[in-house]
């Protein structure tokens, strides 16, 4: 198992292998407290005209972290959506 730091992780595209859709890039990481374990990835686009919604991808849905991309398995509705105001 290799270690990937946050700066590397946020450069990788996140792709849903069930439908081939690119969800965006890692924008943030959700941790448990006080254990400090990674619980989920916050994924979205940083483009100027992209919709202002991010996906919360639970770590159990991550299949593979590769050199260029992170492959996830998300059925419809499996990822939570977060708007700019932090609402689910």
C-alpha atoms as a PDB file:
ATOM      1  CA  UNK A   1       0.000   0.000   0.000  1.00  0.00           C
ATOM      2  CA  UNK A   2       1.419   3.390  -0.952  1.00  0.00           C
ATOM      3  CA  UNK A   3       0.708   6.701   0.722  1.00  0.00           C
ATOM      4  CA  UNK A   4      -0.911   9.498  -1.290  1.00  0.00           C
ATOM      5  CA  UNK A   5      -0.799  13.015   0.109  1.00  0.00           C
ATOM      6  CA  UNK A   6      -3.598  15.554  -0.271  1.00  0.00           C
ATOM      7  CA  UNK A   7      -1.751  17.641  -2.875  1.00  0.00           C
ATOM      8  CA  UNK A   8      -1.485  14.584  -5.159  1.00  0.00           C
ATOM      9  CA  UNK A   9      -5.041  13.482  -4.427  1.00  0.00           C
ATOM     10  CA  UNK A  10      -6.648  16.797  -5.377  1.00  0.00           C
ATOM     11  CA  UNK A  11      -5.075  16.671  -8.865  1.00  0.00           C
ATOM     12  CA  UNK A  12      -6.762  13.380  -9.768  1.00  0.00           C
ATOM     13  CA  UNK A  13     -10.028  13.116 -11.704  1.00  0.00           C
ATOM     14  CA  UNK A  14     -12.774  11.143  -9.962  1.00  0.00           C
ATOM     15  CA  UNK A  15     -14.637   8.831 -12.363  1.00  0.00           C
ATOM     16  CA  UNK A  16     -17.738   6.741 -11.693  1.00  0.00           C
ATOM     17  CA  UNK A  17     -17.024   3.334 -13.251  1.00  0.00           C
ATOM     18  CA  UNK A  18     -20.728   2.419 -13.376  1.00  0.00           C
ATOM     19  CA  UNK A  19     -21.609   5.090 -15.950  1.00  0.00           C
ATOM     20  CA  UNK A  20     -18.210   6.520 -17.009  1.00  0.00           C
ATOM     21  CA  UNK A  21     -19.108   9.998 -15.768  1.00  0.00           C
ATOM     22  CA  UNK A  22     -16.374  12.314 -14.497  1.00  0.00           C
ATOM     23  CA  UNK A  23     -17.518  13.737 -11.158  1.00  0.00           C
ATOM     24  CA  UNK A  24     -14.735  16.280 -10.823  1.00  0.00           C
ATOM     25  CA  UNK A  25     -11.629  16.419  -8.648  1.00  0.00           C
ATOM     26  CA  UNK A  26     -11.076  15.993  -4.929  1.00  0.00           C
ATOM     27  CA  UNK A  27     -11.785  19.312  -3.211  1.00  0.00           C
ATOM     28  CA  UNK A  28     -11.667  18.213   0.416  1.00  0.00           C
ATOM     29  CA  UNK A  29     -11.508  15.204   2.713  1.00  0.00           C
ATOM     30  CA  UNK A  30     -13.939  14.322   5.511  1.00  0.00           C
ATOM     31  CA  UNK A  31     -12.411  12.799   8.662  1.00  0.00           C
ATOM     32  CA  UNK A  32     -13.861  11.130  11.739  1.00  0.00           C
ATOM     33  CA  UNK A  33     -13.191  12.762  15.081  1.00  0.00           C
ATOM     34  CA  UNK A  34     -11.294  11.998  17.308  1.00  0.00           C
ATOM     35  CA  UNK A  35      -9.932   8.942  15.437  1.00  0.00           C
ATOM     36  CA  UNK A  36      -8.753  10.971  12.435  1.00  0.00           C
ATOM     37  CA  UNK A  37      -9.726   8.320   9.869  1.00  0.00           C
ATOM     38  CA  UNK A  38     -10.713   9.297   6.327  1.00  0.00           C
ATOM     39  CA  UNK A  39     -14.483   8.872   5.952  1.00  0.00           C
ATOM     40  CA  UNK A  40     -15.262  10.452   2.572  1.00  0.00           C
ATOM     41  CA  UNK A  41     -13.972  12.544  -0.304  1.00  0.00           C
ATOM     42  CA  UNK A  42     -15.637  15.822  -1.266  1.00  0.00           C
ATOM     43  CA  UNK A  43     -15.580  15.940  -5.066  1.00  0.00           C
ATOM     44  CA  UNK A  44     -16.608  18.647  -7.529  1.00  0.00           C
ATOM     45  CA  UNK A  45     -15.606  20.922 -10.357  1.00  0.00           C
ATOM     46  CA  UNK A  46     -13.632  24.098  -9.760  1.00  0.00           C
ATOM     47  CA  UNK A  47     -14.697  25.654 -13.086  1.00  0.00           C
ATOM     48  CA  UNK A  48     -16.149  29.147 -13.175  1.00  0.00           C
ATOM     49  CA  UNK A  49     -19.412  28.123 -14.866  1.00  0.00           C
ATOM     50  CA  UNK A  50     -19.832  24.676 -13.278  1.00  0.00           C
ATOM     51  CA  UNK A  51     -22.863  24.015 -11.058  1.00  0.00           C
ATOM     52  CA  UNK A  52     -22.135  24.831  -7.433  1.00  0.00           C
ATOM     53  CA  UNK A  53     -22.669  21.324  -6.085  1.00  0.00           C
ATOM     54  CA  UNK A  54     -20.168  18.878  -4.683  1.00  0.00           C
ATOM     55  CA  UNK A  55     -20.447  15.119  -4.208  1.00  0.00           C
ATOM     56  CA  UNK A  56     -19.693  13.353  -0.940  1.00  0.00           C
ATOM     57  CA  UNK A  57     -18.137  10.012  -1.912  1.00  0.00           C
ATOM     58  CA  UNK A  58     -17.850   7.577   0.993  1.00  0.00           C
ATOM     59  CA  UNK A  59     -14.516   5.810   1.179  1.00  0.00           C
ATOM     60  CA  UNK A  60     -16.238   2.420   0.819  1.00  0.00           C
ATOM     61  CA  UNK A  61     -17.251   3.472  -2.742  1.00  0.00           C
ATOM     62  CA  UNK A  62     -13.641   4.087  -3.833  1.00  0.00           C
ATOM     63  CA  UNK A  63     -12.435   1.161  -5.949  1.00  0.00           C
ATOM     64  CA  UNK A  64      -8.944   2.277  -6.972  1.00  0.00           C
ATOM     65  CA  UNK A  65      -6.648   5.260  -6.658  1.00  0.00           C
ATOM     66  CA  UNK A  66      -4.507   5.287  -9.788  1.00  0.00           C
ATOM     67  CA  UNK A  67      -1.808   7.557 -11.195  1.00  0.00           C
ATOM     68  CA  UNK A  68      -4.289   9.861 -13.023  1.00  0.00           C
ATOM     69  CA  UNK A  69      -7.703   9.084 -11.581  1.00  0.00           C
ATOM     70  CA  UNK A  70      -9.726   7.785  -8.675  1.00  0.00           C
ATOM     71  CA  UNK A  71     -12.269   5.158  -9.705  1.00  0.00           C
ATOM     72  CA  UNK A  72     -15.482   4.957  -7.695  1.00  0.00           C
ATOM     73  CA  UNK A  73     -18.679   2.895  -7.876  1.00  0.00           C
ATOM     74  CA  UNK A  74     -21.706   5.114  -7.332  1.00  0.00           C
ATOM     75  CA  UNK A  75     -25.210   3.949  -8.135  1.00  0.00           C
ATOM     76  CA  UNK A  76     -27.784   6.705  -8.732  1.00  0.00           C
ATOM     77  CA  UNK A  77     -28.259   8.573  -5.477  1.00  0.00           C
ATOM     78  CA  UNK A  78     -25.360   6.818  -3.703  1.00  0.00           C
ATOM     79  CA  UNK A  79     -23.363  10.031  -3.251  1.00  0.00           C
ATOM     80  CA  UNK A  80     -24.671  12.927  -1.247  1.00  0.00           C
ATOM     81  CA  UNK A  81     -24.844  16.301  -2.961  1.00  0.00           C
ATOM     82  CA  UNK A  82     -23.758  19.418  -1.114  1.00  0.00           C
ATOM     83  CA  UNK A  83     -24.637  22.901  -2.336  1.00  0.00           C
ATOM     84  CA  UNK A  84     -22.570  26.051  -1.694  1.00  0.00           C
ATOM     85  CA  UNK A  85     -24.417  26.762   1.550  1.00  0.00           C
ATOM     86  CA  UNK A  86     -23.424  23.350   2.960  1.00  0.00           C
ATOM     87  CA  UNK A  87     -26.896  21.839   2.739  1.00  0.00           C
ATOM     88  CA  UNK A  88     -27.297  18.183   1.738  1.00  0.00           C
END
